[in-house]
C-alpha cells in the first residue's frame, strides 16, 4: 500500500530513519493534516484520528472541510502545446477537457495501482 485512505482523504506514508518513525500528511488539500506512528498500525490509527479531528474542527467552526481531488485543476503548458492539443481535440470532435482527461487516463492506466 502506497497511501492511506479514509473518508475520501488520501494520506502519504513516509519514514524518518533519524526518528525511527513513520509519518505522513493528507494529500490534495491546502491545509496541513499530519500524523505519525511507530508501526504501520499506529500510523493508520493516527491518520484516521487526524482526519476525524479535522472534520470535527470544521464542523465546530462552521466551515466546510476541504474536499481533496475535486476533479478540476489548472494546468500551465507552453502556448504551442496548448495549440497542438486544442487542434487535435477539434479534429477528434471532442473538447479540450476530454482530450486532456483521456491523455491523463492513458498515462495513469500504465502505472500499477
Protein backbone atom coordinates (compact mmCIF):
# COMPACT_ATOMS: atom_id res chain seq x y z
CA UNK A 1 0.00 0.00 0.00
CA UNK A 2 1.46 3.33 -1.06
CA UNK A 3 -1.21 5.51 0.53
CA UNK A 4 -3.73 5.50 3.33
CA UNK A 5 -7.43 6.08 2.53
CA UNK A 6 -10.18 7.19 4.92
CA UNK A 7 -13.45 9.10 4.44
CA UNK A 8 -12.38 10.27 0.98
CA UNK A 9 -8.97 11.54 2.15
CA UNK A 10 -5.64 10.14 0.98
CA UNK A 11 -2.55 10.18 3.17
CA UNK A 12 1.13 9.71 2.41
CA UNK A 13 3.39 7.18 4.11
CA UNK A 14 6.94 8.31 4.88
CA UNK A 15 9.73 7.02 7.11
CA UNK A 16 12.21 9.01 9.19
CA UNK A 17 15.33 6.91 9.88
CA UNK A 18 16.59 9.56 12.34
CA UNK A 19 13.47 9.19 14.48
CA UNK A 20 12.66 5.55 13.60
CA UNK A 21 9.15 6.82 12.94
CA UNK A 22 6.53 6.57 10.22
CA UNK A 23 4.76 9.80 9.36
CA UNK A 24 2.59 11.37 6.69
CA UNK A 25 0.21 14.10 5.67
CA UNK A 26 -3.16 14.30 3.97
CA UNK A 27 -2.73 14.94 0.25
CA UNK A 28 -4.76 17.10 -2.10
CA UNK A 29 -5.79 19.88 0.30
CA UNK A 30 -4.22 23.22 1.21
CA UNK A 31 -4.47 22.66 4.96
CA UNK A 32 -1.89 20.62 6.83
CA UNK A 33 -3.13 17.43 8.47
CA UNK A 34 -0.20 15.33 9.66
CA UNK A 35 0.08 12.09 11.61
CA UNK A 36 2.73 9.65 12.82
CA UNK A 37 3.24 6.23 14.34
CA UNK A 38 5.90 3.78 15.39
CA UNK A 39 4.25 0.95 13.42
CA UNK A 40 2.04 0.75 10.37
CA UNK A 41 -0.94 0.03 12.59
CA UNK A 42 -0.22 3.08 14.75
CA UNK A 43 0.25 5.23 11.64
CA UNK A 44 -3.14 4.15 10.27
CA UNK A 45 -4.82 4.83 13.61
CA UNK A 46 -3.28 8.30 13.90
CA UNK A 47 -4.23 9.06 10.28
CA UNK A 48 -7.89 8.21 10.94
CA UNK A 49 -7.85 10.20 14.19
CA UNK A 50 -6.29 13.21 12.42
CA UNK A 51 -8.96 13.16 9.68
CA UNK A 52 -11.75 12.80 12.26
CA UNK A 53 -10.30 15.68 14.30
CA UNK A 54 -10.07 17.86 11.18
CA UNK A 55 -13.69 17.14 10.24
CA UNK A 56 -14.84 17.83 13.83
CA UNK A 57 -12.89 21.13 13.90
CA UNK A 58 -14.51 22.20 10.62
CA UNK A 59 -17.96 21.33 11.91
CA UNK A 60 -17.32 23.15 15.20
CA UNK A 61 -16.05 26.22 13.35
CA UNK A 62 -18.96 26.19 10.92
CA UNK A 63 -16.73 25.92 7.87
CA UNK A 64 -16.91 23.25 5.17
CA UNK A 65 -13.95 20.83 5.09
CA UNK A 66 -11.72 20.93 2.04
CA UNK A 67 -12.52 18.21 -0.45
CA UNK A 68 -9.42 16.59 -1.91
CA UNK A 69 -9.11 15.94 -5.63
CA UNK A 70 -12.33 17.69 -6.69
CA UNK A 71 -11.84 16.79 -10.33
CA UNK A 72 -10.79 20.19 -11.59
CA UNK A 73 -7.38 21.86 -11.71
CA UNK A 74 -5.45 24.38 -13.76
CA UNK A 75 -2.62 23.22 -15.97
CA UNK A 76 0.03 25.58 -17.29
CA UNK A 77 1.63 24.46 -20.53
CA UNK A 78 3.52 26.24 -23.31
CA UNK A 79 1.25 28.02 -25.82
CA UNK A 80 2.49 25.81 -28.66
CA UNK A 81 1.46 22.65 -26.78
CA UNK A 82 -1.90 24.22 -25.93
CA UNK A 83 -2.46 24.99 -29.60
CA UNK A 84 -1.49 21.50 -30.78
CA UNK A 85 -3.72 19.85 -28.18
CA UNK A 86 -6.68 22.13 -28.99
CA UNK A 87 -6.35 21.45 -32.72
CA UNK A 88 -6.11 17.70 -32.20
CA UNK A 89 -9.17 17.82 -29.94
CA UNK A 90 -11.10 19.72 -32.63
CA UNK A 91 -10.05 17.18 -35.28
CA UNK A 92 -11.28 14.40 -32.98
CA UNK A 93 -14.55 16.31 -32.48
CA UNK A 94 -14.10 16.39 -28.73
CA UNK A 95 -13.49 19.08 -26.15
CA UNK A 96 -10.03 20.03 -24.98
CA UNK A 97 -11.11 18.93 -21.50
CA UNK A 98 -11.98 15.43 -22.77
CA UNK A 99 -8.78 15.30 -24.80
CA UNK A 100 -6.65 16.12 -21.74
CA UNK A 101 -8.63 13.75 -19.50
CA UNK A 102 -8.06 10.91 -21.98
CA UNK A 103 -4.32 11.69 -22.15
CA UNK A 104 -4.07 11.61 -18.36
CA UNK A 105 -6.16 8.41 -18.18
CA UNK A 106 -3.84 6.76 -20.72
CA UNK A 107 -0.75 7.64 -18.66
CA UNK A 108 -2.31 6.72 -15.31
CA UNK A 109 -3.57 3.36 -16.61
CA UNK A 110 0.03 2.42 -17.49
CA UNK A 111 1.06 2.72 -13.81
CA UNK A 112 0.43 -0.12 -11.37
CA UNK A 113 -2.30 0.70 -8.84
